[in-house]
Amino acid sequence: MTEAVKSPCVRTCCLDDQDICLGCGRTLDEIRRWSEMTESEKQDALKISEQRCAQRLARFSDFLHR
């Protein structure tokens, strides 16, 4: 039996201009659908949200070091 994928929600819900949460990196659609997703879909969404957060952090870091 596999462990359920936990929501990446960090209770810092604020959407950017592309409807991506600044707290967890999920899109508004991914947030809405989370409870209906299969475990595989959740894993995919989690990977993508982590990539979005890493990209945002890299852009922010680049901006600060100019």
N, C-alpha and C. Protein backbone atom coordinates (compact mmCIF):
# COMPACT_ATOMS: atom_id res chain seq x y z
N MET A 1 0.85 -1.18 0.00
CA MET A 1 0.00 0.00 0.00
C MET A 1 0.89 1.24 0.00
N THR A 2 0.59 2.19 -0.90
CA THR A 2 1.39 3.41 -1.00
C THR A 2 0.81 4.49 -0.10
N GLU A 3 1.70 5.35 0.36
CA GLU A 3 1.28 6.45 1.22
C GLU A 3 0.62 7.54 0.40
N ALA A 4 -0.42 8.13 0.93
CA ALA A 4 -1.13 9.20 0.23
C ALA A 4 -0.22 10.42 0.07
N VAL A 5 -0.32 11.06 -1.09
CA VAL A 5 0.45 12.27 -1.35
C VAL A 5 -0.20 13.41 -0.58
N LYS A 6 0.59 14.08 0.25
CA LYS A 6 0.08 15.18 1.06
C LYS A 6 0.05 16.47 0.25
N SER A 7 -0.91 17.27 0.54
CA SER A 7 -1.02 18.57 -0.12
C SER A 7 0.19 19.44 0.23
N PRO A 8 0.72 20.16 -0.75
CA PRO A 8 1.86 21.05 -0.49
C PRO A 8 1.44 22.39 0.11
N CYS A 9 0.19 22.54 0.42
CA CYS A 9 -0.32 23.81 0.94
C CYS A 9 0.45 24.24 2.20
N VAL A 10 0.88 25.50 2.19
CA VAL A 10 1.59 26.05 3.36
C VAL A 10 0.78 27.17 4.00
N ARG A 11 -0.49 27.25 3.66
CA ARG A 11 -1.42 28.24 4.22
C ARG A 11 -1.00 29.68 3.95
N THR A 12 -0.34 29.87 2.80
CA THR A 12 0.04 31.20 2.36
C THR A 12 -0.54 31.38 0.96
N CYS A 13 -1.84 31.44 0.89
CA CYS A 13 -2.52 31.46 -0.40
C CYS A 13 -2.58 32.88 -0.97
N CYS A 14 -1.85 33.06 -2.04
CA CYS A 14 -1.85 34.33 -2.75
C CYS A 14 -1.46 34.00 -4.19
N LEU A 15 -2.33 34.32 -5.13
CA LEU A 15 -2.09 33.97 -6.52
C LEU A 15 -1.37 35.09 -7.25
N ASP A 16 -0.44 34.69 -8.15
CA ASP A 16 0.23 35.68 -8.97
C ASP A 16 -0.62 35.97 -10.21
N ASP A 17 -0.08 36.71 -11.16
CA ASP A 17 -0.86 37.10 -12.34
C ASP A 17 -1.12 35.93 -13.29
N GLN A 18 -0.52 34.77 -13.03
CA GLN A 18 -0.77 33.58 -13.83
C GLN A 18 -1.60 32.55 -13.06
N ASP A 19 -2.21 32.99 -11.97
CA ASP A 19 -3.02 32.13 -11.09
C ASP A 19 -2.22 30.96 -10.52
N ILE A 20 -0.98 31.26 -10.12
CA ILE A 20 -0.12 30.28 -9.45
C ILE A 20 0.08 30.76 -8.02
N CYS A 21 -0.15 29.86 -7.07
CA CYS A 21 -0.04 30.22 -5.66
C CYS A 21 1.41 30.50 -5.29
N LEU A 22 1.64 31.63 -4.64
CA LEU A 22 2.98 32.00 -4.21
C LEU A 22 3.46 31.12 -3.05
N GLY A 23 2.56 30.49 -2.35
CA GLY A 23 2.92 29.65 -1.22
C GLY A 23 3.33 28.25 -1.63
N CYS A 24 2.52 27.58 -2.45
CA CYS A 24 2.78 26.17 -2.77
C CYS A 24 3.18 25.92 -4.22
N GLY A 25 2.99 26.89 -5.09
CA GLY A 25 3.38 26.72 -6.48
C GLY A 25 2.37 26.02 -7.37
N ARG A 26 1.20 25.70 -6.82
CA ARG A 26 0.18 25.05 -7.65
C ARG A 26 -0.65 26.10 -8.37
N THR A 27 -1.21 25.70 -9.51
CA THR A 27 -2.14 26.57 -10.22
C THR A 27 -3.48 26.55 -9.49
N LEU A 28 -4.31 27.52 -9.78
CA LEU A 28 -5.64 27.56 -9.17
C LEU A 28 -6.41 26.29 -9.51
N ASP A 29 -6.29 25.81 -10.74
CA ASP A 29 -6.97 24.58 -11.13
C ASP A 29 -6.45 23.38 -10.34
N GLU A 30 -5.14 23.30 -10.13
CA GLU A 30 -4.58 22.19 -9.35
C GLU A 30 -5.06 22.24 -7.90
N ILE A 31 -5.17 23.43 -7.35
CA ILE A 31 -5.67 23.58 -5.98
C ILE A 31 -7.12 23.12 -5.89
N ARG A 32 -7.93 23.56 -6.83
CA ARG A 32 -9.35 23.18 -6.84
C ARG A 32 -9.55 21.68 -6.99
N ARG A 33 -8.75 21.06 -7.86
CA ARG A 33 -8.93 19.64 -8.19
C ARG A 33 -8.20 18.69 -7.25
N TRP A 34 -7.38 19.19 -6.33
CA TRP A 34 -6.51 18.34 -5.52
C TRP A 34 -7.24 17.15 -4.91
N SER A 35 -8.36 17.37 -4.29
CA SER A 35 -9.06 16.28 -3.59
C SER A 35 -9.65 15.25 -4.56
N GLU A 36 -9.78 15.61 -5.82
CA GLU A 36 -10.33 14.69 -6.82
C GLU A 36 -9.24 13.98 -7.63
N MET A 37 -7.99 14.41 -7.48
CA MET A 37 -6.89 13.83 -8.26
C MET A 37 -6.55 12.44 -7.76
N THR A 38 -6.04 11.62 -8.69
CA THR A 38 -5.49 10.33 -8.29
C THR A 38 -4.14 10.60 -7.63
N GLU A 39 -3.60 9.61 -6.95
CA GLU A 39 -2.29 9.77 -6.31
C GLU A 39 -1.22 10.08 -7.35
N SER A 40 -1.32 9.47 -8.51
CA SER A 40 -0.36 9.72 -9.59
C SER A 40 -0.46 11.16 -10.07
N GLU A 41 -1.67 11.65 -10.23
CA GLU A 41 -1.86 13.06 -10.64
C GLU A 41 -1.32 14.01 -9.58
N LYS A 42 -1.53 13.67 -8.32
CA LYS A 42 -1.01 14.51 -7.23
C LYS A 42 0.51 14.53 -7.25
N GLN A 43 1.14 13.37 -7.48
CA GLN A 43 2.60 13.32 -7.56
C GLN A 43 3.11 14.19 -8.70
N ASP A 44 2.44 14.13 -9.84
CA ASP A 44 2.83 14.96 -10.99
C ASP A 44 2.67 16.44 -10.67
N ALA A 45 1.54 16.79 -10.08
CA ALA A 45 1.29 18.19 -9.73
C ALA A 45 2.30 18.68 -8.70
N LEU A 46 2.67 17.83 -7.76
CA LEU A 46 3.63 18.18 -6.74
C LEU A 46 5.01 18.46 -7.35
N LYS A 47 5.43 17.61 -8.28
CA LYS A 47 6.72 17.82 -8.96
C LYS A 47 6.74 19.15 -9.70
N ILE A 48 5.66 19.41 -10.42
CA ILE A 48 5.59 20.65 -11.20
C ILE A 48 5.54 21.86 -10.27
N SER A 49 4.80 21.76 -9.19
CA SER A 49 4.70 22.90 -8.26
C SER A 49 6.05 23.18 -7.60
N GLU A 50 6.80 22.12 -7.31
CA GLU A 50 8.15 22.31 -6.75
C GLU A 50 9.06 23.00 -7.75
N GLN A 51 8.93 22.64 -9.02
CA GLN A 51 9.73 23.29 -10.07
C GLN A 51 9.36 24.77 -10.18
N ARG A 52 8.06 25.05 -10.11
CA ARG A 52 7.62 26.46 -10.19
C ARG A 52 8.19 27.27 -9.04
N CYS A 53 8.16 26.70 -7.83
CA CYS A 53 8.70 27.40 -6.66
C CYS A 53 10.20 27.63 -6.81
N ALA A 54 10.91 26.64 -7.31
CA ALA A 54 12.36 26.77 -7.50
C ALA A 54 12.67 27.84 -8.55
N GLN A 55 11.89 27.87 -9.62
CA GLN A 55 12.09 28.88 -10.66
C GLN A 55 11.81 30.28 -10.12
N ARG A 56 10.75 30.41 -9.33
CA ARG A 56 10.42 31.71 -8.75
C ARG A 56 11.54 32.18 -7.82
N LEU A 57 12.03 31.26 -7.00
CA LEU A 57 13.11 31.59 -6.08
C LEU A 57 14.37 32.01 -6.84
N ALA A 58 14.69 31.32 -7.92
CA ALA A 58 15.86 31.66 -8.73
C ALA A 58 15.70 33.05 -9.34
N ARG A 59 14.52 33.35 -9.87
CA ARG A 59 14.27 34.69 -10.46
C ARG A 59 14.39 35.76 -9.39
N PHE A 60 13.84 35.50 -8.21
CA PHE A 60 13.89 36.46 -7.12
C PHE A 60 15.34 36.67 -6.67
N SER A 61 16.08 35.59 -6.57
CA SER A 61 17.48 35.67 -6.17
C SER A 61 18.30 36.46 -7.18
N ASP A 62 18.06 36.21 -8.47
CA ASP A 62 18.75 36.95 -9.53
C ASP A 62 18.45 38.44 -9.42
N PHE A 63 17.19 38.75 -9.15
CA PHE A 63 16.76 40.14 -9.02
C PHE A 63 17.48 40.83 -7.87
N LEU A 64 17.60 40.14 -6.74
CA LEU A 64 18.24 40.71 -5.56
C LEU A 64 19.75 40.93 -5.73
N HIS A 65 20.35 40.12 -6.57
CA HIS A 65 21.80 40.19 -6.72
C HIS A 65 22.24 41.06 -7.90
N ARG A 66 21.37 41.84 -8.43
CA ARG A 66 21.71 42.75 -9.54
C ARG A 66 22.37 43.97 -9.00
